[in-house]
Amino acid sequence: MSHQPDSSRYEKMKYQRCGKSGILLPRISLGLWHNFGDIDSLQTMRGLVKHAFDLGITHFDLANNYGPPPGSAEINFGRILREDLADYRDEMIISTKAGYWMYPGPYGEWGSRKYLLASLDQSLKRMGIEYVDIFYHHRPDPNTPLEETMGALDHAVRQGKALYAGISSYSPEETKKAAAILRKLGTPCLIHQPSYNMLNRWIEDGLTKVLEEEGIGCIPFCPLAQGQLTDRYLKDIPKDSRAGRGGFLKAPDVERNLPKVRLLNAIAEKRGQPLAEMAIGWILRLPAVTSALIGASSTAQLDTNVKSLQRLEFSPEELSEIDKILKS
């Protein structure tokens, strides 16, 4: 039976214009990188997507290789969309990406026209939709001319298989060049998706300035540093955690950052909120940041992340104290 969404969902969420475009994005968007593969519970995935939509989260972010196995996140999301939210497709921003390894051979990764356009066709088929709202190049390709990669994004938009073009993890210099090429082609760059959080501040060293100058939106991923900026690791590293299982997040990294995280948690406690809420609010403090792209494994986590929108202000003293901790 089709899901009947909360009629007050758009009153619950805050929205912000994406760069100089006509698109408004929710300040919190849901990424389907972890917890949406075939090894995960479809019932849990279904609950997360429906609950997110009920909270006014209209933006769902995927990539061709999300899973595991690669492609399974798009298949699972497509099934949920078809069975539960098909009537609301036009109220959603659905994005996908290509750039990392997807399949064997010389045409299964990076930034060639062949790979990007073939990958987009495959993504649309997996999700069972006619177009995505945003199609990203997932990472810079040092060996393919940028004109070819941006030309592929432009072609995808002109085909009607994507409404907007985006880039991810591009440096300030690469972003400026990509934006100039896309603008000349007539398909402006809508958005940039970089990693950014309290423990990883690289975008402040030039990228945010370029994005503001170019009128490009920004949607950082990993705003909670894969769980480090929550109460998950304040005491130890649980065996069932990401760091405990030995995935992308490594135990030595968690241990190295723990002194800073504990000091940050003390500030969050003085503010009367969990560390995760403060960390997301800190991300959204930057004018260049349109939306924070969060991952979640439960509806309770979604609620906590959205609750951060109730407290986005920071005093100059708080920002100074946080900055001092992060630079220590």
Protein backbone atom coordinates (compact mmCIF):
# COMPACT_ATOMS: atom_id res chain seq x y z
CA MET A 1 0.00 0.00 0.00
CA SER A 2 1.32 3.43 -0.92
CA HIS A 3 2.63 5.50 1.97
CA GLN A 4 0.51 8.44 3.11
CA PRO A 5 3.07 11.08 4.11
CA ASP A 6 2.66 13.50 6.98
CA SER A 7 0.65 16.47 5.72
CA SER A 8 2.74 18.87 7.82
CA ARG A 9 6.09 17.63 6.49
CA TYR A 10 7.03 20.88 4.76
CA GLU A 11 6.38 22.84 7.94
CA LYS A 12 8.88 20.65 9.82
CA MET A 13 11.85 21.25 7.55
CA LYS A 14 13.93 24.30 6.68
CA TYR A 15 14.95 24.78 3.04
CA GLN A 16 17.70 26.83 1.43
CA ARG A 17 18.38 27.91 -2.13
CA CYS A 18 21.12 25.91 -3.83
CA GLY A 19 23.63 28.48 -5.04
CA LYS A 20 22.04 30.82 -7.58
CA SER A 21 19.66 28.18 -8.94
CA GLY A 22 15.91 27.83 -8.63
CA ILE A 23 16.26 24.73 -6.45
CA LEU A 24 15.59 24.72 -2.71
CA LEU A 25 17.15 21.84 -0.78
CA PRO A 26 16.23 20.66 2.71
CA ARG A 27 18.89 21.68 5.23
CA ILE A 28 19.18 17.96 6.04
CA SER A 29 19.40 15.47 3.16
CA LEU A 30 19.57 11.68 3.38
CA GLY A 31 22.49 9.81 1.85
CA LEU A 32 22.11 6.11 1.08
CA TRP A 33 25.80 5.20 1.17
CA HIS A 34 25.70 2.87 4.18
CA ASN A 35 22.79 0.71 5.37
CA PHE A 36 21.06 0.40 1.99
CA GLY A 37 22.81 -2.62 0.50
CA ASP A 38 21.55 -6.18 0.12
CA ILE A 39 23.14 -7.10 3.46
CA ASP A 40 20.75 -4.70 5.21
CA SER A 41 17.09 -5.01 6.17
CA LEU A 42 14.65 -3.81 3.52
CA GLN A 43 12.12 -3.14 6.25
CA THR A 44 14.57 -0.82 8.01
CA MET A 45 15.45 0.92 4.73
CA ARG A 46 11.78 1.39 3.93
CA GLY A 47 11.14 2.87 7.37
CA LEU A 48 14.06 5.29 7.02
CA VAL A 49 13.02 6.63 3.62
CA LYS A 50 9.37 7.06 4.59
CA HIS A 51 10.25 8.68 7.93
CA ALA A 52 12.69 11.02 6.21
CA PHE A 53 10.00 12.11 3.76
CA ASP A 54 7.57 12.64 6.64
CA LEU A 55 10.18 14.99 8.19
CA GLY A 56 10.32 17.08 5.03
CA ILE A 57 13.55 15.55 3.73
CA THR A 58 13.00 15.69 -0.01
CA HIS A 59 16.56 14.97 -1.17
CA PHE A 60 17.84 11.39 -1.42
CA ASP A 61 21.43 10.91 -2.54
CA LEU A 62 22.87 7.76 -4.13
CA ALA A 63 25.74 6.62 -6.34
CA ASN A 64 26.15 3.79 -8.81
CA ASN A 65 28.47 1.84 -6.49
CA TYR A 66 26.56 2.22 -3.20
CA GLY A 67 25.69 -1.06 -1.53
CA PRO A 68 27.20 -3.53 -0.99
CA PRO A 69 27.17 -5.02 -3.54
CA PRO A 70 27.59 -2.07 -5.91
CA GLY A 71 24.25 -1.03 -7.37
CA SER A 72 22.12 -2.57 -4.65
CA ALA A 73 21.35 0.73 -2.91
CA GLU A 74 19.81 2.07 -6.11
CA ILE A 75 17.81 -1.13 -6.59
CA ASN A 76 16.52 -1.04 -3.01
CA PHE A 77 15.68 2.66 -3.15
CA GLY A 78 13.93 2.15 -6.49
CA ARG A 79 11.77 -0.57 -4.97
CA ILE A 80 10.79 1.64 -2.02
CA LEU A 81 10.04 4.52 -4.37
CA ARG A 82 7.90 2.30 -6.60
CA GLU A 83 5.99 0.56 -3.80
CA ASP A 84 5.61 3.35 -1.26
CA LEU A 85 6.24 6.82 -2.72
CA ALA A 86 5.61 6.63 -6.46
CA ASP A 87 2.92 9.32 -6.25
CA TYR A 88 5.45 11.75 -4.76
CA ARG A 89 8.35 11.47 -7.22
CA ASP A 90 7.92 15.09 -8.32
CA GLU A 91 8.30 16.24 -4.72
CA MET A 92 11.75 14.65 -4.49
CA ILE A 93 15.30 15.50 -5.49
CA ILE A 94 17.00 12.20 -6.37
CA SER A 95 20.71 12.26 -7.17
CA THR A 96 23.26 9.69 -8.24
CA LYS A 97 26.94 9.72 -9.12
CA ALA A 98 29.57 7.92 -11.17
CA GLY A 99 33.35 8.04 -10.95
CA TYR A 100 34.53 5.27 -8.65
CA TRP A 101 34.99 1.63 -9.65
CA MET A 102 31.75 -0.03 -10.71
CA TYR A 103 32.58 -2.93 -13.03
CA PRO A 104 35.67 -4.63 -14.56
CA GLY A 105 37.56 -3.37 -17.57
CA PRO A 106 38.88 0.00 -18.68
CA TYR A 107 35.42 1.61 -18.95
CA GLY A 108 34.11 0.91 -15.44
CA GLU A 109 35.42 3.90 -13.47
CA TRP A 110 36.83 7.45 -13.56
CA GLY A 111 35.49 10.17 -15.86
CA SER A 112 35.25 9.19 -19.52
CA ARG A 113 32.15 10.08 -21.50
CA LYS A 114 31.56 6.37 -22.13
CA TYR A 115 31.62 5.45 -18.46
CA LEU A 116 29.53 8.36 -17.18
CA LEU A 117 26.72 8.04 -19.72
CA ALA A 118 26.61 4.23 -19.54
CA SER A 119 26.58 4.42 -15.75
CA LEU A 120 23.69 6.88 -15.72
CA ASP A 121 21.64 4.60 -17.95
CA GLN A 122 22.36 1.70 -15.59
CA SER A 123 21.40 3.78 -12.54
CA LEU A 124 18.09 4.82 -14.07
CA LYS A 125 17.31 1.21 -14.89
CA ARG A 126 18.15 0.04 -11.34
CA MET A 127 15.93 2.70 -9.77
CA GLY A 128 13.17 2.36 -12.35
CA ILE A 129 12.96 6.08 -13.06
CA GLU A 130 13.23 8.16 -16.23
CA TYR A 131 15.60 10.81 -14.88
CA VAL A 132 17.59 11.88 -11.83
CA ASP A 133 17.43 15.43 -10.58
CA ILE A 134 21.20 15.70 -10.09
CA PHE A 135 23.94 13.68 -11.78
CA TYR A 136 27.42 14.06 -10.28
CA HIS A 137 30.90 13.24 -11.38
CA HIS A 138 31.95 11.47 -8.19
CA ARG A 139 35.66 12.32 -8.15
CA PRO A 140 38.23 14.14 -10.30
CA ASP A 141 39.93 12.11 -13.02
CA PRO A 142 43.58 13.13 -13.51
CA ASN A 143 43.83 11.37 -16.88
CA THR A 144 40.66 12.39 -18.70
CA PRO A 145 40.32 15.92 -20.13
CA LEU A 146 37.96 17.92 -17.95
CA GLU A 147 36.17 19.05 -21.13
CA GLU A 148 35.21 15.44 -21.86
CA THR A 149 33.89 14.78 -18.35
CA MET A 150 31.92 18.03 -18.16
CA GLY A 151 30.69 17.45 -21.70
CA ALA A 152 29.23 14.14 -20.58
CA LEU A 153 27.36 15.84 -17.73
CA ASP A 154 26.05 18.45 -20.15
CA HIS A 155 24.93 15.72 -22.56
CA ALA A 156 23.09 13.87 -19.78
CA VAL A 157 21.14 17.05 -19.02
CA ARG A 158 20.37 17.69 -22.69
CA GLN A 159 19.14 14.09 -23.02
CA GLY A 160 16.68 14.73 -20.20
CA LYS A 161 18.19 11.94 -18.12
CA ALA A 162 19.37 14.45 -15.50
CA LEU A 163 17.97 17.87 -14.67
CA TYR A 164 21.14 19.31 -13.13
CA ALA A 165 24.88 18.61 -13.10
CA GLY A 166 27.10 18.38 -10.05
CA ILE A 167 30.65 17.52 -9.02
CA SER A 168 32.11 15.90 -5.92
CA SER A 169 35.48 16.15 -4.17
CA TYR A 170 36.94 18.64 -6.66
CA SER A 171 39.63 21.04 -5.44
CA PRO A 172 39.02 24.81 -5.62
CA GLU A 173 41.04 25.07 -8.84
CA GLU A 174 39.31 22.08 -10.44
CA THR A 175 35.92 23.42 -9.38
CA LYS A 176 36.56 26.79 -11.00
CA LYS A 177 37.65 25.14 -14.26
CA ALA A 178 34.70 22.72 -14.27
CA ALA A 179 32.24 25.53 -13.59
CA ALA A 180 33.64 27.60 -16.47
CA ILE A 181 33.34 24.68 -18.91
CA LEU A 182 29.78 23.86 -17.87
CA ARG A 183 28.73 27.50 -18.03
CA LYS A 184 30.11 27.77 -21.58
CA LEU A 185 28.19 24.62 -22.54
CA GLY A 186 24.98 26.11 -21.16
CA THR A 187 24.57 23.69 -18.24
CA PRO A 188 25.64 25.53 -15.06
CA CYS A 189 27.12 23.50 -12.23
CA LEU A 190 24.37 23.28 -9.62
CA ILE A 191 26.18 21.79 -6.65
CA HIS A 192 29.41 20.47 -5.19
CA GLN A 193 29.51 17.54 -2.75
CA PRO A 194 32.70 17.58 -0.64
CA SER A 195 33.62 15.84 2.59
CA TYR A 196 33.44 18.32 5.48
CA ASN A 197 33.13 18.16 9.24
CA MET A 198 34.78 19.49 12.38
CA LEU A 199 37.67 17.07 11.96
CA ASN A 200 38.09 17.68 8.22
CA ARG A 201 37.93 21.37 7.32
CA TRP A 202 39.64 21.39 3.94
CA ILE A 203 36.85 23.20 2.08
CA GLU A 204 37.48 26.34 4.15
CA ASP A 205 40.85 26.72 2.42
CA GLY A 206 39.53 28.19 -0.82
CA LEU A 207 36.64 25.98 -1.94
CA THR A 208 33.81 27.80 -0.15
CA LYS A 209 35.01 31.08 -1.66
CA VAL A 210 34.96 29.59 -5.17
CA LEU A 211 31.47 28.16 -4.62
CA GLU A 212 30.13 31.51 -3.47
CA GLU A 213 31.77 33.32 -6.39
CA GLU A 214 30.44 30.81 -8.92
CA GLY A 215 26.95 30.58 -7.38
CA ILE A 216 27.30 26.83 -6.74
CA GLY A 217 25.56 25.10 -3.85
CA CYS A 218 27.42 22.93 -1.35
CA ILE A 219 26.22 19.71 0.29
CA PRO A 220 28.93 18.22 2.53
CA PHE A 221 28.98 14.48 3.19
CA CYS A 222 30.23 12.83 6.39
CA PRO A 223 29.23 15.80 8.61
CA LEU A 224 29.57 13.51 11.64
CA ALA A 225 32.91 12.03 10.54
CA GLN A 226 31.37 8.58 10.20
CA GLY A 227 30.06 8.66 13.76
CA GLN A 228 33.10 10.16 15.47
CA LEU A 229 31.16 13.37 16.18
CA THR A 230 28.47 11.54 18.14
CA ASP A 231 28.42 9.87 21.56
CA ARG A 232 29.30 6.55 19.87
CA TYR A 233 33.03 6.59 20.69
CA LEU A 234 33.24 8.81 23.77
CA LYS A 235 34.15 5.90 26.07
CA ASP A 236 35.54 3.18 23.81
CA ILE A 237 35.26 1.60 20.37
CA PRO A 238 32.32 -0.84 20.32
CA LYS A 239 33.01 -4.06 18.43
CA ASP A 240 29.85 -3.63 16.33
CA SER A 241 30.74 -0.06 15.30
CA ARG A 242 32.24 1.02 11.96
CA ALA A 243 35.64 1.49 13.56
CA GLY A 244 35.31 -1.79 15.43
CA ARG A 245 34.51 -3.69 12.23
CA GLY A 246 37.49 -2.19 10.40
CA GLY A 247 35.76 -0.48 7.47
CA PHE A 248 36.50 2.99 6.07
CA LEU A 249 36.81 4.29 9.62
CA LYS A 250 39.92 3.00 11.39
CA ALA A 251 40.28 2.53 15.15
CA PRO A 252 43.62 4.44 15.31
CA ASP A 253 41.95 7.48 13.72
CA VAL A 254 39.15 7.39 16.28
CA GLU A 255 41.64 7.10 19.13
CA ARG A 256 43.72 10.00 17.78
CA ASN A 257 40.68 12.29 17.52
CA LEU A 258 39.10 11.26 20.83
CA PRO A 259 40.65 14.04 23.00
CA LYS A 260 39.22 16.69 20.68
CA VAL A 261 35.87 14.94 20.44
CA ARG A 262 35.53 14.83 24.23
CA LEU A 263 36.26 18.55 24.48
CA LEU A 264 33.71 19.25 21.75
CA ASN A 265 31.18 17.12 23.58
CA ALA A 266 31.69 19.26 26.68
CA ILE A 267 30.74 22.35 24.65
CA ALA A 268 27.67 20.56 23.29
CA GLU A 269 26.61 19.68 26.83
CA LYS A 270 26.91 23.33 27.86
CA ARG A 271 24.71 24.19 24.89
CA GLY A 272 22.18 21.61 26.08
CA GLN A 273 22.34 19.38 23.02
CA PRO A 274 23.98 16.14 21.85
CA LEU A 275 27.32 16.40 20.08
CA ALA A 276 25.79 15.18 16.80
CA GLU A 277 23.29 18.04 16.79
CA MET A 278 26.01 20.59 17.44
CA ALA A 279 28.29 19.12 14.76
CA ILE A 280 25.57 19.39 12.10
CA GLY A 281 24.68 22.90 13.19
CA TRP A 282 28.34 23.86 12.94
CA ILE A 283 28.42 22.59 9.33
CA LEU A 284 25.36 24.62 8.42
CA ARG A 285 26.81 27.83 9.89
CA LEU A 286 28.71 28.52 6.65
CA PRO A 287 26.72 30.62 4.14
CA ALA A 288 28.06 28.46 1.29
CA VAL A 289 26.57 25.26 2.75
CA THR A 290 23.11 24.49 1.38
CA SER A 291 22.42 21.17 3.07
CA ALA A 292 24.12 18.60 5.29
CA LEU A 293 24.12 15.11 3.79
CA ILE A 294 23.66 12.65 6.62
CA GLY A 295 23.52 8.87 6.82
CA ALA A 296 21.30 7.05 9.29
CA SER A 297 20.63 3.52 10.44
CA SER A 298 17.50 4.30 12.50
CA THR A 299 14.62 6.75 12.57
CA ALA A 300 15.88 7.93 15.97
CA GLN A 301 19.12 9.07 14.34
CA LEU A 302 17.13 10.92 11.70
CA ASP A 303 15.13 12.69 14.40
CA THR A 304 18.33 13.74 16.21
CA ASN A 305 19.87 15.08 13.02
CA VAL A 306 16.78 17.08 12.08
CA LYS A 307 16.52 18.43 15.61
CA SER A 308 19.85 20.19 15.02
CA LEU A 309 17.94 22.71 12.89
CA GLN A 310 16.34 24.10 16.04
CA ARG A 311 19.70 25.39 17.23
CA LEU A 312 21.87 26.72 14.41
CA GLU A 313 23.19 29.82 16.14
CA PHE A 314 26.64 29.94 17.76
CA SER A 315 28.03 32.72 19.90
CA PRO A 316 31.39 34.20 18.91
CA GLU A 317 32.80 32.71 22.12
CA GLU A 318 31.56 29.23 21.23
CA LEU A 319 32.99 29.43 17.73
CA SER A 320 36.31 30.64 19.10
CA GLU A 321 36.44 27.81 21.64
CA ILE A 322 35.57 25.21 19.01
CA ASP A 323 38.19 26.61 16.64
CA LYS A 324 40.81 26.48 19.36
CA ILE A 325 40.01 22.80 20.06
CA LEU A 326 40.09 21.84 16.40
CA LYS A 327 43.46 23.54 15.83
CA SER A 328 45.07 21.99 18.91
